Amino acid sequence: MTGTLAAALDARSIATAERLTASVEGDVAEVEDVLRITAIRLHYRLAVDDDGGKVDREAVDRALESYADKCPAYQSVRGCIDCSWDLELIAAD
C-alpha cells in the first residue's frame, strides 16, 4: 500500500524517496474458532523540509483519498479486512 501511495504522490510531483514511511497496526480476533485479521491501520509519515518544502497539502490529501482505488493490496482485502489510513507531515532530518 505504501508503494501505491508513493506513486500517487510522485505523480503529483511530491517527492517520497527516503521521505515516506509507514507504521502498521492490526487486530486479530477469533471468528468462528479461527484466528482472523479483522483490521489494519496504517499511519504514514511524509518528511518535508522545515519550511513545509512547498508541499501542497491539498494534493497530498487528494492522493491519500484516492490511492486505494488503484492499490492491489487494498483491493485484495477490501470487504474482508477493515483498513484505515492517515498521513502526517513531519520535519525532515
N, C-alpha and C. Protein backbone atom coordinates (compact mmCIF):
# COMPACT_ATOMS: atom_id res chain seq x y z
N MET A 1 0.82 -1.18 0.00
CA MET A 1 0.00 0.00 0.00
C MET A 1 0.87 1.25 0.00
N THR A 2 2.00 1.17 0.69
CA THR A 2 2.88 2.33 0.73
C THR A 2 3.42 2.66 -0.66
N GLY A 3 3.74 1.64 -1.43
CA GLY A 3 4.25 1.87 -2.77
C GLY A 3 3.22 2.54 -3.68
N THR A 4 1.96 2.15 -3.53
CA THR A 4 0.91 2.76 -4.35
C THR A 4 0.70 4.21 -3.95
N LEU A 5 0.74 4.49 -2.64
CA LEU A 5 0.62 5.88 -2.20
C LEU A 5 1.81 6.70 -2.69
N ALA A 6 3.00 6.12 -2.62
CA ALA A 6 4.19 6.84 -3.10
C ALA A 6 4.04 7.19 -4.58
N ALA A 7 3.53 6.26 -5.37
CA ALA A 7 3.33 6.53 -6.80
C ALA A 7 2.31 7.64 -7.01
N ALA A 8 1.24 7.64 -6.21
CA ALA A 8 0.22 8.69 -6.33
C ALA A 8 0.79 10.05 -5.95
N LEU A 9 1.63 10.09 -4.92
CA LEU A 9 2.26 11.36 -4.52
C LEU A 9 3.28 11.80 -5.56
N ASP A 10 4.09 10.87 -6.04
CA ASP A 10 5.09 11.19 -7.06
C ASP A 10 4.42 11.75 -8.32
N ALA A 11 3.26 11.20 -8.68
CA ALA A 11 2.54 11.69 -9.86
C ALA A 11 2.10 13.14 -9.68
N ARG A 12 2.01 13.58 -8.43
CA ARG A 12 1.65 14.96 -8.12
C ARG A 12 2.88 15.81 -7.82
N SER A 13 4.05 15.31 -8.22
CA SER A 13 5.34 15.98 -8.02
C SER A 13 5.67 16.20 -6.55
N ILE A 14 5.25 15.26 -5.71
CA ILE A 14 5.58 15.30 -4.28
C ILE A 14 6.60 14.18 -4.04
N ALA A 15 7.82 14.56 -3.69
CA ALA A 15 8.91 13.60 -3.53
C ALA A 15 8.65 12.67 -2.34
N THR A 16 8.86 11.36 -2.57
CA THR A 16 8.63 10.39 -1.50
C THR A 16 9.86 9.54 -1.19
N ALA A 17 10.83 9.48 -2.10
CA ALA A 17 12.01 8.64 -1.88
C ALA A 17 12.71 9.06 -0.59
N GLU A 18 12.90 8.10 0.30
CA GLU A 18 13.53 8.34 1.60
C GLU A 18 12.72 9.30 2.48
N ARG A 19 11.50 9.62 2.10
CA ARG A 19 10.69 10.58 2.85
C ARG A 19 9.38 9.99 3.35
N LEU A 20 8.88 8.94 2.71
CA LEU A 20 7.60 8.36 3.08
C LEU A 20 7.82 7.07 3.85
N THR A 21 7.28 7.01 5.06
CA THR A 21 7.36 5.81 5.88
C THR A 21 5.96 5.47 6.37
N ALA A 22 5.82 4.26 6.86
CA ALA A 22 4.52 3.84 7.39
C ALA A 22 4.72 2.98 8.62
N SER A 23 3.83 3.13 9.58
CA SER A 23 3.74 2.19 10.68
C SER A 23 2.37 1.54 10.57
N VAL A 24 2.32 0.27 10.93
CA VAL A 24 1.11 -0.50 10.72
C VAL A 24 0.73 -1.22 12.01
N GLU A 25 -0.54 -1.18 12.34
CA GLU A 25 -1.09 -1.94 13.45
C GLU A 25 -2.24 -2.76 12.92
N GLY A 26 -2.52 -3.85 13.58
CA GLY A 26 -3.65 -4.67 13.16
C GLY A 26 -4.33 -5.32 14.33
N ASP A 27 -5.51 -5.80 14.08
CA ASP A 27 -6.27 -6.53 15.09
C ASP A 27 -6.49 -7.95 14.59
N VAL A 28 -6.34 -8.89 15.50
CA VAL A 28 -6.62 -10.29 15.21
C VAL A 28 -7.70 -10.72 16.19
N ALA A 29 -8.71 -11.39 15.67
CA ALA A 29 -9.81 -11.85 16.51
C ALA A 29 -10.17 -13.28 16.12
N GLU A 30 -10.74 -13.98 17.05
CA GLU A 30 -11.23 -15.32 16.76
C GLU A 30 -12.62 -15.19 16.16
N VAL A 31 -12.77 -15.68 14.96
CA VAL A 31 -14.04 -15.65 14.25
C VAL A 31 -14.40 -17.08 13.89
N GLU A 32 -15.47 -17.57 14.46
CA GLU A 32 -15.90 -18.95 14.21
C GLU A 32 -14.76 -19.94 14.45
N ASP A 33 -14.09 -19.78 15.59
CA ASP A 33 -13.00 -20.66 16.03
C ASP A 33 -11.74 -20.60 15.15
N VAL A 34 -11.61 -19.54 14.36
CA VAL A 34 -10.42 -19.35 13.53
C VAL A 34 -9.88 -17.95 13.78
N LEU A 35 -8.57 -17.84 14.00
CA LEU A 35 -7.97 -16.52 14.14
C LEU A 35 -8.00 -15.82 12.79
N ARG A 36 -8.40 -14.56 12.83
CA ARG A 36 -8.56 -13.82 11.58
C ARG A 36 -8.09 -12.38 11.78
N ILE A 37 -7.40 -11.83 10.79
CA ILE A 37 -7.06 -10.40 10.81
C ILE A 37 -8.35 -9.65 10.51
N THR A 38 -8.75 -8.78 11.44
CA THR A 38 -10.02 -8.06 11.27
C THR A 38 -9.83 -6.59 10.93
N ALA A 39 -8.66 -6.03 11.24
CA ALA A 39 -8.44 -4.61 10.95
C ALA A 39 -6.95 -4.35 10.74
N ILE A 40 -6.69 -3.40 9.86
CA ILE A 40 -5.33 -2.92 9.61
C ILE A 40 -5.39 -1.40 9.60
N ARG A 41 -4.50 -0.78 10.39
CA ARG A 41 -4.41 0.68 10.45
C ARG A 41 -3.01 1.10 10.03
N LEU A 42 -2.94 1.97 9.02
CA LEU A 42 -1.66 2.47 8.53
C LEU A 42 -1.53 3.94 8.89
N HIS A 43 -0.39 4.28 9.43
CA HIS A 43 -0.09 5.69 9.73
C HIS A 43 1.14 6.06 8.91
N TYR A 44 0.92 6.86 7.89
CA TYR A 44 2.00 7.31 7.02
C TYR A 44 2.62 8.59 7.58
N ARG A 45 3.92 8.72 7.35
CA ARG A 45 4.64 9.95 7.69
C ARG A 45 5.40 10.39 6.45
N LEU A 46 5.20 11.65 6.08
CA LEU A 46 5.91 12.21 4.94
C LEU A 46 6.80 13.33 5.45
N ALA A 47 8.11 13.14 5.32
CA ALA A 47 9.07 14.14 5.79
C ALA A 47 9.16 15.27 4.77
N VAL A 48 9.03 16.48 5.27
CA VAL A 48 9.13 17.68 4.43
C VAL A 48 10.16 18.61 5.04
N ASP A 49 10.69 19.51 4.24
CA ASP A 49 11.65 20.48 4.74
C ASP A 49 10.98 21.37 5.77
N ASP A 50 11.80 22.00 6.62
CA ASP A 50 11.27 22.83 7.71
C ASP A 50 10.28 23.88 7.25
N ASP A 51 10.47 24.40 6.05
CA ASP A 51 9.57 25.44 5.55
C ASP A 51 8.32 24.84 4.91
N GLY A 52 8.11 23.55 5.12
CA GLY A 52 6.97 22.88 4.50
C GLY A 52 7.34 22.30 3.16
N GLY A 53 8.53 22.63 2.68
CA GLY A 53 9.04 22.07 1.44
C GLY A 53 8.15 22.31 0.24
N LYS A 54 7.35 23.35 0.33
CA LYS A 54 6.44 23.67 -0.78
C LYS A 54 5.50 22.51 -1.09
N VAL A 55 5.22 21.68 -0.09
CA VAL A 55 4.30 20.56 -0.28
C VAL A 55 2.88 21.08 -0.26
N ASP A 56 2.14 20.74 -1.28
CA ASP A 56 0.73 21.12 -1.39
C ASP A 56 -0.10 20.13 -0.59
N ARG A 57 -0.53 20.53 0.61
CA ARG A 57 -1.27 19.62 1.48
C ARG A 57 -2.56 19.14 0.82
N GLU A 58 -3.19 19.98 0.04
CA GLU A 58 -4.42 19.55 -0.65
C GLU A 58 -4.11 18.43 -1.64
N ALA A 59 -2.98 18.51 -2.33
CA ALA A 59 -2.59 17.45 -3.26
C ALA A 59 -2.28 16.16 -2.50
N VAL A 60 -1.63 16.28 -1.35
CA VAL A 60 -1.36 15.11 -0.51
C VAL A 60 -2.68 14.47 -0.09
N ASP A 61 -3.62 15.27 0.37
CA ASP A 61 -4.90 14.74 0.81
C ASP A 61 -5.67 14.08 -0.32
N ARG A 62 -5.61 14.66 -1.52
CA ARG A 62 -6.29 14.05 -2.67
C ARG A 62 -5.67 12.68 -2.99
N ALA A 63 -4.35 12.60 -2.93
CA ALA A 63 -3.69 11.31 -3.18
C ALA A 63 -4.09 10.29 -2.13
N LEU A 64 -4.13 10.72 -0.87
CA LEU A 64 -4.48 9.82 0.22
C LEU A 64 -5.92 9.33 0.09
N GLU A 65 -6.80 10.18 -0.38
CA GLU A 65 -8.21 9.81 -0.53
C GLU A 65 -8.46 8.88 -1.71
N SER A 66 -7.59 8.90 -2.71
CA SER A 66 -7.89 8.15 -3.93
C SER A 66 -6.96 6.98 -4.22
N TYR A 67 -5.82 6.87 -3.55
CA TYR A 67 -4.83 5.88 -3.95
C TYR A 67 -5.31 4.44 -3.79
N ALA A 68 -6.17 4.18 -2.83
CA ALA A 68 -6.62 2.81 -2.57
C ALA A 68 -7.38 2.22 -3.75
N ASP A 69 -7.99 3.07 -4.55
CA ASP A 69 -8.72 2.58 -5.72
C ASP A 69 -7.80 1.85 -6.70
N LYS A 70 -6.52 2.20 -6.69
CA LYS A 70 -5.54 1.59 -7.61
C LYS A 70 -4.55 0.67 -6.89
N CYS A 71 -4.78 0.42 -5.60
CA CYS A 71 -3.84 -0.35 -4.80
C CYS A 71 -4.17 -1.85 -4.83
N PRO A 72 -3.28 -2.68 -5.39
CA PRO A 72 -3.56 -4.11 -5.46
C PRO A 72 -3.76 -4.75 -4.08
N ALA A 73 -2.95 -4.34 -3.09
CA ALA A 73 -3.09 -4.93 -1.76
C ALA A 73 -4.45 -4.60 -1.15
N TYR A 74 -4.84 -3.33 -1.21
CA TYR A 74 -6.13 -2.95 -0.64
C TYR A 74 -7.28 -3.61 -1.39
N GLN A 75 -7.20 -3.63 -2.71
CA GLN A 75 -8.27 -4.24 -3.49
C GLN A 75 -8.40 -5.74 -3.19
N SER A 76 -7.31 -6.38 -2.77
CA SER A 76 -7.33 -7.80 -2.44
C SER A 76 -8.02 -8.10 -1.12
N VAL A 77 -7.96 -7.16 -0.17
CA VAL A 77 -8.53 -7.42 1.16
C VAL A 77 -9.78 -6.59 1.45
N ARG A 78 -10.09 -5.66 0.58
CA ARG A 78 -11.26 -4.80 0.74
C ARG A 78 -12.51 -5.65 0.95
N GLY A 79 -13.29 -5.29 1.94
CA GLY A 79 -14.50 -6.03 2.23
C GLY A 79 -14.27 -7.20 3.17
N CYS A 80 -13.02 -7.61 3.34
CA CYS A 80 -12.68 -8.72 4.24
C CYS A 80 -12.00 -8.24 5.51
N ILE A 81 -11.18 -7.21 5.36
CA ILE A 81 -10.43 -6.64 6.48
C ILE A 81 -10.70 -5.15 6.49
N ASP A 82 -11.04 -4.61 7.65
CA ASP A 82 -11.28 -3.17 7.78
C ASP A 82 -9.93 -2.46 7.74
N CYS A 83 -9.72 -1.64 6.72
CA CYS A 83 -8.46 -0.91 6.56
C CYS A 83 -8.70 0.58 6.70
N SER A 84 -7.78 1.24 7.40
CA SER A 84 -7.85 2.70 7.52
C SER A 84 -6.43 3.24 7.44
N TRP A 85 -6.33 4.52 7.09
CA TRP A 85 -5.01 5.14 6.96
C TRP A 85 -5.12 6.64 7.17
N ASP A 86 -4.00 7.22 7.58
CA ASP A 86 -3.88 8.67 7.70
C ASP A 86 -2.44 9.03 7.36
N LEU A 87 -2.19 10.33 7.24
CA LEU A 87 -0.85 10.78 6.88
C LEU A 87 -0.52 12.02 7.67
N GLU A 88 0.69 12.03 8.20
CA GLU A 88 1.21 13.14 8.99
C GLU A 88 2.43 13.72 8.28
N LEU A 89 2.47 15.03 8.15
CA LEU A 89 3.67 15.69 7.64
C LEU A 89 4.61 15.92 8.82
N ILE A 90 5.87 15.52 8.66
CA ILE A 90 6.86 15.70 9.72
C ILE A 90 8.06 16.44 9.15
N ALA A 91 8.86 17.03 10.02
CA ALA A 91 10.07 17.75 9.60
C ALA A 91 11.13 16.75 9.16
N ALA A 92 11.76 17.03 8.03
CA ALA A 92 12.84 16.18 7.54
C ALA A 92 14.06 16.36 8.43
N ASP A 93 14.86 15.30 8.54
CA ASP A 93 16.09 15.37 9.34
C ASP A 93 17.13 16.20 8.65
